């Protein structure tokens, strides 16, 4: 149990409202509310006064907090750095978590927009080719391209605005830091409470991506005309977009906890490896984008060239794993 929970529990045991406790401590009700929601931490004098008022020891109030955070320097401290590490306060940690929570659906929606952007082009192109629509293929292709680039442009705008909103917190993902007492306990408790939501979201996303191939299987069995294939391909992209959307939302929130705790892929060892591979990551996706656009404009087969992205994703995972192993092996020689 963290300090915030203990304050709430002891206050309720004594039958006091937040206003009554605030009056006894000589602070505002808002201050007590922030303490109980782990939005901030009382100073040492207030903790001592609370221990007297509640009739408990200061060790009881601080013990779990200190046990959680005394271990943090062992993980968060970087022995190779001579200068003191930056310390993350409770307020900064909560601001970071809130920003990530707000940006998660925006980033997820922007990614989904990129995935479904070719859908209208594929649908209109096949329908015009089969004369389902009384429009020429050039008009259908032009409308589809306008939709495609419009969606991508809007997605890029959303990516940039979210990135700028998080720019002042970028050091938390890239640099080493320590957390002030109470922060690790608060983050661990929130992460534990979110674990079931994260697991459920990942499961739903994976199932939707697997089911996305069902439309193609149906089309193959039916030996359907081109416009039906186009409709089912658009539906496939939609299912993938929804699945990816769900996974990105829950993953970003889960990662925000790991970033503050410097665990998992945001541990110090991982940060060290990522620093060395940043250039490779950027070059890889720039090259992938160039291949996709070049192939698409050269062949004008936008209904097919989207396959570049899933292939690039699979190859990226494999190549990235090899690169990480190579960097890790070189580092520990």
Protein backbone atom coordinates (compact mmCIF):
# COMPACT_ATOMS: atom_id res chain seq x y z
CA UNK A 1 0.00 0.00 0.00
CA UNK A 2 1.42 3.37 -1.00
CA UNK A 3 1.36 6.58 1.02
CA UNK A 4 -1.69 7.96 -0.85
CA UNK A 5 -3.77 4.92 0.11
CA UNK A 6 -2.65 5.08 3.73
CA UNK A 7 -3.65 8.73 4.07
CA UNK A 8 -7.09 7.93 2.63
CA UNK A 9 -7.50 4.88 4.84
CA UNK A 10 -6.48 6.61 8.08
CA UNK A 11 -8.65 9.65 7.33
CA UNK A 12 -11.71 7.45 6.78
CA UNK A 13 -10.95 5.40 9.91
CA UNK A 14 -11.20 8.61 11.92
CA UNK A 15 -14.37 9.65 10.11
CA UNK A 16 -12.88 12.89 8.77
CA UNK A 17 -13.62 14.57 5.46
CA UNK A 18 -10.80 15.94 3.33
CA UNK A 19 -11.71 19.44 4.53
CA UNK A 20 -11.45 18.39 8.19
CA UNK A 21 -8.06 16.73 7.69
CA UNK A 22 -6.85 19.75 5.73
CA UNK A 23 -7.87 22.04 8.61
CA UNK A 24 -5.96 19.92 11.13
CA UNK A 25 -2.85 19.99 8.93
CA UNK A 26 -3.12 23.66 8.02
CA UNK A 27 -3.37 23.04 4.29
CA UNK A 28 -6.06 23.34 1.62
CA UNK A 29 -8.53 20.60 0.76
CA UNK A 30 -7.01 20.49 -2.73
CA UNK A 31 -3.64 19.59 -1.21
CA UNK A 32 -5.17 16.64 0.66
CA UNK A 33 -7.00 15.57 -2.50
CA UNK A 34 -3.72 15.55 -4.45
CA UNK A 35 -1.99 13.51 -1.74
CA UNK A 36 -4.76 10.92 -1.77
CA UNK A 37 -4.77 10.65 -5.58
CA UNK A 38 -0.94 10.39 -5.65
CA UNK A 39 -0.83 13.64 -7.59
CA UNK A 40 1.74 15.02 -5.14
CA UNK A 41 3.52 14.01 -1.95
CA UNK A 42 3.36 15.87 1.40
CA UNK A 43 6.59 17.21 2.80
CA UNK A 44 8.28 15.55 5.76
CA UNK A 45 6.82 17.96 8.34
CA UNK A 46 3.28 17.21 7.17
CA UNK A 47 3.98 13.47 7.28
CA UNK A 48 5.21 13.76 10.88
CA UNK A 49 2.12 15.79 11.79
CA UNK A 50 -0.16 13.27 10.09
CA UNK A 51 1.48 10.42 12.01
CA UNK A 52 0.67 12.24 15.28
CA UNK A 53 -2.91 13.01 14.22
CA UNK A 54 -3.59 9.47 12.99
CA UNK A 55 -1.84 7.89 15.96
CA UNK A 56 0.55 5.87 13.79
CA UNK A 57 4.28 5.92 13.27
CA UNK A 58 6.01 7.73 10.45
CA UNK A 59 7.61 4.38 9.57
CA UNK A 60 4.15 2.98 8.91
CA UNK A 61 3.31 5.83 6.54
CA UNK A 62 6.62 5.74 4.68
CA UNK A 63 7.79 2.14 4.93
CA UNK A 64 6.28 0.75 1.72
CA UNK A 65 7.17 3.90 -0.18
CA UNK A 66 10.78 3.74 0.94
CA UNK A 67 11.06 0.01 0.29
CA UNK A 68 9.86 0.45 -3.27
CA UNK A 69 12.03 3.43 -3.99
CA UNK A 70 15.19 2.39 -2.16
CA UNK A 71 15.52 -0.30 -4.79
CA UNK A 72 15.12 2.24 -7.57
CA UNK A 73 18.65 3.73 -7.36
CA UNK A 74 20.05 0.24 -7.91
CA UNK A 75 18.12 0.06 -11.16
CA UNK A 76 17.97 3.72 -12.07
CA UNK A 77 21.47 4.76 -11.10
CA UNK A 78 24.01 4.62 -13.86
CA UNK A 79 27.43 3.82 -12.40
CA UNK A 80 29.23 5.03 -15.51
CA UNK A 81 27.85 8.56 -15.22
CA UNK A 82 29.85 10.94 -13.07
CA UNK A 83 27.24 13.72 -12.92
CA UNK A 84 24.14 13.31 -10.73
CA UNK A 85 21.09 11.85 -12.45
CA UNK A 86 18.01 13.93 -13.07
CA UNK A 87 15.28 13.28 -10.49
CA UNK A 88 11.65 12.88 -11.56
CA UNK A 89 9.09 14.31 -9.14
CA UNK A 90 5.57 13.05 -8.47
CA UNK A 91 4.10 16.00 -10.38
CA UNK A 92 6.31 15.36 -13.41
CA UNK A 93 5.49 11.65 -13.36
CA UNK A 94 1.74 12.32 -13.28
CA UNK A 95 2.03 14.88 -16.07
CA UNK A 96 3.91 12.34 -18.19
CA UNK A 97 1.31 9.62 -17.58
CA UNK A 98 -1.57 12.01 -18.35
CA UNK A 99 0.08 13.19 -21.58
CA UNK A 100 0.69 9.63 -22.76
CA UNK A 101 -2.88 8.67 -21.91
CA UNK A 102 -4.25 11.59 -23.94
CA UNK A 103 -1.90 11.01 -26.89
CA UNK A 104 -2.52 7.25 -27.08
CA UNK A 105 -5.86 7.43 -28.96
CA UNK A 106 -4.54 10.20 -31.24
CA UNK A 107 -1.46 8.19 -32.26
CA UNK A 108 -3.61 5.06 -32.65
CA UNK A 109 -6.11 6.87 -34.87
CA UNK A 110 -3.36 8.42 -36.99
CA UNK A 111 -1.80 5.00 -37.54
CA UNK A 112 -5.18 3.53 -38.51
CA UNK A 113 -5.67 6.36 -40.99
CA UNK A 114 -2.41 5.44 -42.71
CA UNK A 115 -3.48 1.78 -42.89
CA UNK A 116 -6.92 2.46 -44.41
CA UNK A 117 -5.73 5.27 -46.71
CA UNK A 118 -5.48 3.02 -49.82
CA UNK A 119 -8.93 1.46 -49.19
CA UNK A 120 -10.96 3.95 -51.25
CA UNK A 121 -8.43 3.84 -54.09
CA UNK A 122 -8.68 0.04 -54.23
CA UNK A 123 -12.48 0.06 -54.00
CA UNK A 124 -13.10 2.78 -56.60
CA UNK A 125 -10.47 1.39 -58.95
CA UNK A 126 -11.96 -2.11 -59.05
CA UNK A 127 -15.53 -0.80 -59.27
CA UNK A 128 -14.65 1.50 -62.17
CA UNK A 129 -12.78 -1.34 -63.89
CA UNK A 130 -15.86 -3.59 -63.70
CA UNK A 131 -18.12 -0.67 -64.73
CA UNK A 132 -20.05 -0.87 -61.47
CA UNK A 133 -19.68 2.90 -61.24
CA UNK A 134 -20.31 5.12 -64.25
CA UNK A 135 -16.98 6.89 -63.89
CA UNK A 136 -13.69 6.47 -65.70
CA UNK A 137 -10.76 4.67 -64.11
CA UNK A 138 -8.75 7.90 -64.15
CA UNK A 139 -11.41 9.74 -62.13
CA UNK A 140 -11.69 6.82 -59.70
CA UNK A 141 -7.92 6.69 -59.35
CA UNK A 142 -7.69 10.45 -58.84
CA UNK A 143 -10.37 10.45 -56.14
CA UNK A 144 -8.71 7.49 -54.44
CA UNK A 145 -5.30 9.21 -54.48
CA UNK A 146 -6.77 12.42 -53.06
CA UNK A 147 -8.27 10.39 -50.22
CA UNK A 148 -5.01 8.48 -49.69
CA UNK A 149 -2.76 11.54 -49.48
CA UNK A 150 -5.37 13.47 -47.48
CA UNK A 151 -5.49 10.73 -44.85
CA UNK A 152 -1.70 10.45 -44.72
CA UNK A 153 -1.30 14.23 -44.47
CA UNK A 154 -3.77 14.41 -41.57
CA UNK A 155 -2.05 11.46 -39.87
CA UNK A 156 1.35 13.14 -40.19
CA UNK A 157 -0.13 16.32 -38.68
CA UNK A 158 -1.40 14.32 -35.70
CA UNK A 159 1.96 12.55 -35.29
CA UNK A 160 3.81 15.88 -35.28
CA UNK A 161 1.46 17.59 -32.81
CA UNK A 162 1.68 14.64 -30.40
CA UNK A 163 5.45 14.59 -30.73
CA UNK A 164 5.67 18.31 -29.96
CA UNK A 165 3.38 17.86 -26.95
CA UNK A 166 5.77 15.24 -25.56
CA UNK A 167 9.02 16.92 -26.62
CA UNK A 168 9.81 18.31 -23.16
CA UNK A 169 9.51 14.77 -21.72
CA UNK A 170 11.63 13.04 -24.36
CA UNK A 171 14.51 12.62 -21.91
CA UNK A 172 12.47 10.10 -19.90
CA UNK A 173 12.54 7.66 -22.81
CA UNK A 174 16.16 8.24 -23.83
CA UNK A 175 18.16 9.26 -20.75
CA UNK A 176 18.85 7.75 -17.34
CA UNK A 177 17.09 9.23 -14.31
CA UNK A 178 16.09 8.63 -10.70
CA UNK A 179 12.62 9.01 -9.21
CA UNK A 180 11.75 10.80 -5.99
CA UNK A 181 10.27 8.71 -3.19
CA UNK A 182 6.68 7.72 -3.76
CA UNK A 183 6.88 7.83 -7.56
CA UNK A 184 7.83 4.19 -8.16
CA UNK A 185 5.17 2.96 -5.73
CA UNK A 186 2.48 5.05 -7.42
CA UNK A 187 3.49 3.93 -10.93
CA UNK A 188 3.68 0.25 -9.96
CA UNK A 189 0.22 0.40 -8.45
CA UNK A 190 -1.25 2.03 -11.55
CA UNK A 191 0.52 -0.47 -13.80
CA UNK A 192 -0.82 -3.42 -11.81
CA UNK A 193 -4.32 -2.00 -12.08
CA UNK A 194 -3.96 -1.58 -15.85
CA UNK A 195 -2.51 -5.04 -16.52
CA UNK A 196 -5.85 -6.72 -17.28
CA UNK A 197 -6.89 -3.94 -19.68
CA UNK A 198 -3.57 -4.21 -21.49
CA UNK A 199 -3.83 -8.00 -21.84
CA UNK A 200 -7.40 -7.79 -23.10
CA UNK A 201 -6.53 -5.04 -25.60
CA UNK A 202 -3.57 -6.93 -27.05
CA UNK A 203 -5.69 -10.10 -27.34
CA UNK A 204 -8.49 -8.25 -29.16
CA UNK A 205 -6.03 -6.55 -31.51
CA UNK A 206 -4.26 -9.78 -32.42
CA UNK A 207 -7.56 -11.61 -33.03
CA UNK A 208 -8.79 -8.81 -35.34
CA UNK A 209 -5.54 -8.89 -37.34
CA UNK A 210 -5.85 -12.68 -37.72
CA UNK A 211 -9.50 -12.42 -38.77
CA UNK A 212 -8.52 -9.81 -41.36
CA UNK A 213 -7.40 -12.59 -43.72
CA UNK A 214 -10.90 -14.13 -43.70
CA UNK A 215 -12.20 -11.76 -46.43
CA UNK A 216 -9.39 -12.84 -48.75
CA UNK A 217 -10.16 -16.50 -48.08
CA UNK A 218 -13.84 -15.89 -48.87
CA UNK A 219 -12.96 -14.10 -52.10
CA UNK A 220 -10.66 -16.95 -53.12
CA UNK A 221 -13.39 -19.54 -52.55
CA UNK A 222 -16.05 -17.49 -54.35
CA UNK A 223 -13.91 -16.68 -57.40
CA UNK A 224 -15.56 -13.28 -57.16
CA UNK A 225 -15.27 -10.40 -59.69
CA UNK A 226 -12.69 -7.66 -59.22
CA UNK A 227 -14.98 -5.13 -57.55
CA UNK A 228 -15.93 -7.70 -54.88
CA UNK A 229 -12.22 -8.40 -54.33
CA UNK A 230 -11.68 -4.67 -53.98
CA UNK A 231 -14.47 -4.38 -51.41
CA UNK A 232 -13.11 -7.29 -49.39
CA UNK A 233 -9.58 -5.87 -49.57
CA UNK A 234 -10.87 -2.56 -48.20
CA UNK A 235 -12.61 -4.49 -45.42
CA UNK A 236 -9.35 -6.32 -44.69
CA UNK A 237 -7.55 -2.99 -44.29
CA UNK A 238 -10.32 -1.76 -42.00
CA UNK A 239 -10.06 -4.81 -39.73
CA UNK A 240 -6.28 -4.47 -39.54
CA UNK A 241 -6.64 -0.75 -38.77
CA UNK A 242 -9.02 -1.43 -35.89
CA UNK A 243 -6.83 -4.21 -34.48
CA UNK A 244 -3.68 -2.10 -34.67
CA UNK A 245 -5.57 0.85 -33.16
CA UNK A 246 -6.54 -1.16 -30.07
CA UNK A 247 -3.00 -2.53 -29.61
CA UNK A 248 -1.37 0.89 -29.93
CA UNK A 249 -3.74 2.47 -27.40
CA UNK A 250 -3.09 -0.06 -24.65
CA UNK A 251 0.61 -0.44 -25.47
CA UNK A 252 1.32 3.29 -25.21
CA UNK A 253 -0.29 3.49 -21.77
CA UNK A 254 1.49 0.32 -20.61
CA UNK A 255 4.79 1.65 -21.95
CA UNK A 256 4.34 4.92 -20.05
CA UNK A 257 4.51 2.94 -16.80
CA UNK A 258 7.58 0.99 -17.97
CA UNK A 259 9.30 4.23 -19.01
CA UNK A 260 9.00 5.72 -15.52
CA UNK A 261 10.08 2.45 -13.90
CA UNK A 262 12.86 1.96 -16.47
CA UNK A 263 11.85 -1.63 -17.03
CA UNK A 264 11.34 -3.88 -20.05
CA UNK A 265 12.30 -2.26 -23.33
CA UNK A 266 13.00 1.00 -21.47
CA UNK A 267 15.61 -0.39 -19.09
CA UNK A 268 19.06 1.17 -19.03
CA UNK A 269 20.54 -1.64 -21.09
CA UNK A 270 17.82 -1.23 -23.72
CA UNK A 271 18.29 2.54 -23.82
CA UNK A 272 21.98 2.05 -24.42
CA UNK A 273 21.31 -0.29 -27.35
CA UNK A 274 18.60 1.97 -28.82
CA UNK A 275 20.97 4.93 -28.84
CA UNK A 276 23.26 2.98 -31.13
CA UNK A 277 20.42 1.80 -33.39
CA UNK A 278 18.48 5.06 -33.76
CA UNK A 279 20.15 5.81 -37.08
CA UNK A 280 19.30 2.37 -38.43
CA UNK A 281 15.63 2.66 -37.43
CA UNK A 282 15.24 6.01 -39.17
CA UNK A 283 17.02 4.87 -42.35
CA UNK A 284 15.01 1.63 -42.51
CA UNK A 285 11.59 3.26 -42.47
CA UNK A 286 12.64 6.09 -44.80
CA UNK A 287 13.83 3.45 -47.27
CA UNK A 288 10.60 1.48 -46.84
CA UNK A 289 8.52 4.59 -47.56
CA UNK A 290 10.63 5.36 -50.65
CA UNK A 291 10.20 1.79 -51.94
CA UNK A 292 6.43 1.90 -51.34
CA UNK A 293 5.89 5.23 -53.09
CA UNK A 294 8.31 4.45 -55.91
CA UNK A 295 6.78 1.04 -56.64
CA UNK A 296 3.22 2.38 -56.34
CA UNK A 297 3.71 5.29 -58.74
CA UNK A 298 5.70 3.18 -61.19
CA UNK A 299 3.18 0.32 -61.31
CA UNK A 300 0.03 2.26 -60.31
CA UNK A 301 -1.01 -0.89 -58.44
CA UNK A 302 -1.97 0.79 -55.19
CA UNK A 303 -4.35 -2.08 -54.56
CA UNK A 304 -1.35 -4.40 -54.26
CA UNK A 305 1.69 -2.35 -53.20
CA UNK A 306 0.32 -1.90 -49.66
CA UNK A 307 1.81 -5.35 -49.03
CA UNK A 308 5.13 -3.53 -48.58
CA UNK A 309 4.13 -2.45 -45.06
CA UNK A 310 3.35 -5.83 -43.45
CA UNK A 311 6.42 -7.34 -45.15
CA UNK A 312 8.56 -4.42 -43.94
CA UNK A 313 7.17 -4.87 -40.43
CA UNK A 314 8.09 -8.56 -40.33
CA UNK A 315 11.54 -7.90 -41.78
CA UNK A 316 12.08 -5.03 -39.36
CA UNK A 317 11.45 -7.30 -36.39
CA UNK A 318 13.93 -9.87 -37.73
CA UNK A 319 16.62 -7.39 -38.80
CA UNK A 320 16.21 -5.38 -35.60
CA UNK A 321 16.69 -8.51 -33.49
CA UNK A 322 19.88 -9.37 -35.38
CA UNK A 323 21.20 -5.82 -35.04
CA UNK A 324 20.43 -5.76 -31.32
CA UNK A 325 22.24 -9.06 -30.82
CA UNK A 326 25.25 -7.73 -32.72
CA UNK A 327 25.34 -4.50 -30.72
CA UNK A 328 24.88 -6.37 -27.44
CA UNK A 329 27.62 -8.85 -28.24
CA UNK A 330 30.01 -6.06 -29.20
CA UNK A 331 29.20 -4.12 -26.02
CA UNK A 332 29.94 -7.01 -23.69
CA UNK A 333 33.24 -8.05 -25.29
